[in-house]
Amino acid sequence: MKEIIGELDAKGLSFGIVVSRFNSFFTEQLLLGATDCLVRHGCIGDDITVARVPGAAEIPMAVKRMALCGKFNAVLALGCVIQGATPHAELINTQVSRALSSIALDTGVPVLSGLVSANNLDQAVERSGTKAGNKGWDAAIAAIEMVSLLSRLP
C-alpha cells in the first residue's frame, strides 16, 4: 500500500488570507492565530497577504480573486458569524461555506475555512483562541498540509 501525506513545512510558500472586519474582536484573534501558525512553520511574513472585507458574506469574492491570481499556494478565509434571533447567521454560514468549497474545486487552489460559526459570544470566544483552540490556526495548518499533499498527488 502506498500512502501519500502532506508535510507541515511552509518554507517558500505564499498564502492569501481574507479576513472579515465584522466581529473584529474575534476575527483579529483568528488572524493572529493563522499568521502565527504560518510563520512558525517556516513561512516568511512577506509571503502572507491579508485582504480585509466588510463581513463574512464578502469573503468568497475576495477569496476567489486571490485564488485566481496565481500568486498564492493557498487562501484562508477568516470570519465570525454569531447566531442572533433570526436565521440570518445560518444563511450566511451555509452560503459562504458552499462558495469556498466551490472556489477550491474550481481553481485547484486550497481554500481553507477559518470561519467561526457560534451560537453565542462564549462559543465565539472559545473558538477564537481560548478553550477550543483557534480556528485561524487550524485553517493555516490545514492549508500548509494541503499544499504539500497536492504537490505530491499524481
Protein backbone atom coordinates (compact mmCIF):
# COMPACT_ATOMS: atom_id res chain seq x y z
CA MET A 1 0.00 0.00 0.00
CA LYS A 2 1.31 3.42 -0.95
CA GLU A 3 0.35 6.34 1.26
CA ILE A 4 0.70 9.98 0.26
CA ILE A 5 0.75 12.53 3.05
CA GLY A 6 1.43 16.23 3.30
CA GLU A 7 4.25 17.79 5.28
CA LEU A 8 3.89 20.71 7.64
CA ASP A 9 6.55 22.94 6.11
CA ALA A 10 5.54 26.38 4.84
CA LYS A 11 9.01 27.45 3.67
CA GLY A 12 8.83 29.01 0.23
CA LEU A 13 5.03 29.05 0.19
CA SER A 14 2.78 32.07 -0.25
CA PHE A 15 -0.60 32.48 1.44
CA GLY A 16 -3.53 34.81 0.95
CA ILE A 17 -5.77 35.49 3.92
CA VAL A 18 -9.19 37.10 3.66
CA VAL A 19 -10.48 38.34 6.99
CA SER A 20 -13.80 39.92 7.86
CA ARG A 21 -13.84 43.22 9.77
CA PHE A 22 -17.27 42.40 11.21
CA ASN A 23 -16.88 40.94 14.71
CA SER A 24 -13.27 42.14 14.66
CA PHE A 25 -12.83 41.30 18.34
CA PHE A 26 -12.84 37.68 17.19
CA THR A 27 -11.51 37.91 13.65
CA GLU A 28 -8.33 39.69 14.73
CA GLN A 29 -7.58 36.76 17.04
CA LEU A 30 -8.21 34.36 14.16
CA LEU A 31 -5.79 36.35 12.01
CA LEU A 32 -3.14 36.29 14.75
CA GLY A 33 -3.56 32.53 15.08
CA ALA A 34 -3.28 31.96 11.34
CA THR A 35 -0.23 34.14 10.81
CA ASP A 36 1.47 32.71 13.91
CA CYS A 37 0.97 29.20 12.57
CA LEU A 38 2.28 30.05 9.10
CA VAL A 39 5.39 31.79 10.44
CA ARG A 40 6.13 29.04 12.99
CA HIS A 41 6.04 26.54 10.13
CA GLY A 42 8.55 28.46 8.02
CA CYS A 43 6.57 30.99 6.01
CA ILE A 44 8.18 34.43 5.74
CA GLY A 45 5.94 37.32 6.72
CA ASP A 46 6.33 38.91 3.27
CA ASP A 47 4.75 35.78 1.78
CA ILE A 48 1.48 36.42 3.63
CA THR A 49 -1.01 38.84 2.09
CA VAL A 50 -4.07 39.90 4.09
CA ALA A 51 -7.22 41.31 2.47
CA ARG A 52 -9.92 42.77 4.70
CA VAL A 53 -13.57 42.63 3.73
CA PRO A 54 -16.61 44.16 5.46
CA GLY A 55 -18.30 40.94 6.56
CA ALA A 56 -18.44 37.18 6.14
CA ALA A 57 -20.72 37.40 3.10
CA GLU A 58 -18.00 39.26 1.20
CA ILE A 59 -15.28 36.72 1.95
CA PRO A 60 -15.86 34.42 -1.08
CA MET A 61 -15.44 37.17 -3.67
CA ALA A 62 -12.04 38.20 -2.30
CA VAL A 63 -11.00 34.57 -1.83
CA LYS A 64 -11.85 33.81 -5.44
CA ARG A 65 -9.82 36.76 -6.70
CA MET A 66 -6.84 35.62 -4.62
CA ALA A 67 -7.20 32.01 -5.76
CA LEU A 68 -7.31 33.03 -9.42
CA CYS A 69 -4.40 35.48 -9.39
CA GLY A 70 -1.74 32.76 -9.34
CA LYS A 71 0.31 34.31 -6.53
CA PHE A 72 -0.82 32.12 -3.64
CA ASN A 73 -0.34 28.45 -2.85
CA ALA A 74 -3.44 28.54 -0.64
CA VAL A 75 -6.04 31.01 0.59
CA LEU A 76 -7.52 31.18 4.08
CA ALA A 77 -10.95 32.61 4.87
CA LEU A 78 -11.38 34.03 8.38
CA GLY A 79 -14.63 35.34 9.83
CA CYS A 80 -17.01 35.06 12.73
CA VAL A 81 -20.78 34.72 12.48
CA ILE A 82 -22.74 34.62 15.72
CA GLN A 83 -26.32 33.38 15.77
CA GLY A 84 -28.88 36.03 16.66
CA ALA A 85 -32.64 35.98 16.94
CA THR A 86 -33.15 35.38 13.20
CA PRO A 87 -31.88 32.65 10.83
CA HIS A 88 -29.57 35.18 9.13
CA ALA A 89 -26.40 33.61 10.56
CA GLU A 90 -27.30 30.16 9.28
CA LEU A 91 -27.92 31.56 5.80
CA ILE A 92 -24.57 33.36 5.75
CA ASN A 93 -22.66 30.35 7.06
CA THR A 94 -24.22 28.00 4.53
CA GLN A 95 -23.64 30.28 1.55
CA VAL A 96 -20.06 31.15 2.49
CA SER A 97 -19.14 27.50 3.12
CA ARG A 98 -20.60 26.40 -0.20
CA ALA A 99 -18.88 29.21 -2.06
CA LEU A 100 -15.48 28.46 -0.51
CA SER A 101 -15.75 24.76 -1.41
CA SER A 102 -16.72 25.67 -4.95
CA ILE A 103 -13.81 28.09 -5.33
CA ALA A 104 -11.31 25.47 -4.18
CA LEU A 105 -12.69 22.82 -6.53
CA ASP A 106 -12.96 25.21 -9.49
CA THR A 107 -9.48 26.75 -9.13
CA GLY A 108 -7.48 23.84 -7.73
CA VAL A 109 -6.12 26.17 -5.05
CA PRO A 110 -6.65 25.01 -1.47
CA VAL A 111 -9.18 27.27 0.25
CA LEU A 112 -9.38 26.70 3.98
CA SER A 113 -12.19 27.97 6.14
CA GLY A 114 -11.43 29.55 9.47
CA LEU A 115 -15.00 30.76 9.75
CA VAL A 116 -16.28 30.61 13.31
CA SER A 117 -19.95 29.74 13.45
CA ALA A 118 -21.14 30.29 17.01
CA ASN A 119 -24.47 30.16 18.78
CA ASN A 120 -23.36 32.78 21.32
CA LEU A 121 -20.49 35.01 22.40
CA ASP A 122 -18.98 32.37 24.70
CA GLN A 123 -18.64 29.91 21.82
CA ALA A 124 -17.08 32.61 19.64
CA VAL A 125 -14.52 33.37 22.35
CA GLU A 126 -13.69 29.68 22.76
CA ARG A 127 -13.12 29.14 19.04
CA SER A 128 -11.07 32.32 18.58
CA GLY A 129 -8.18 31.41 20.79
CA THR A 130 -9.18 30.04 24.18
CA LYS A 131 -10.56 26.64 25.28
CA ALA A 132 -11.49 25.27 21.86
CA GLY A 133 -8.30 26.48 20.18
CA ASN A 134 -8.05 28.99 17.36
CA LYS A 135 -9.84 28.29 14.08
CA GLY A 136 -7.40 30.62 12.30
CA TRP A 137 -4.50 28.39 13.38
CA ASP A 138 -6.49 25.30 12.36
CA ALA A 139 -7.14 26.71 8.88
CA ALA A 140 -3.47 27.65 8.45
CA ILE A 141 -2.10 24.24 9.45
CA ALA A 142 -4.59 22.56 7.12
CA ALA A 143 -3.54 24.92 4.30
CA ILE A 144 0.13 24.02 4.74
CA GLU A 145 -0.67 20.31 4.69
CA MET A 146 -2.98 20.54 1.67
CA VAL A 147 -0.43 22.45 -0.42
CA SER A 148 2.16 19.79 0.34
CA LEU A 149 -0.26 16.92 -0.27
CA LEU A 150 -1.48 18.27 -3.60
CA SER A 151 2.10 18.74 -4.80
CA ARG A 152 2.66 15.01 -4.22
CA LEU A 153 -0.50 13.65 -5.76
CA PRO A 154 -0.28 12.39 -9.35
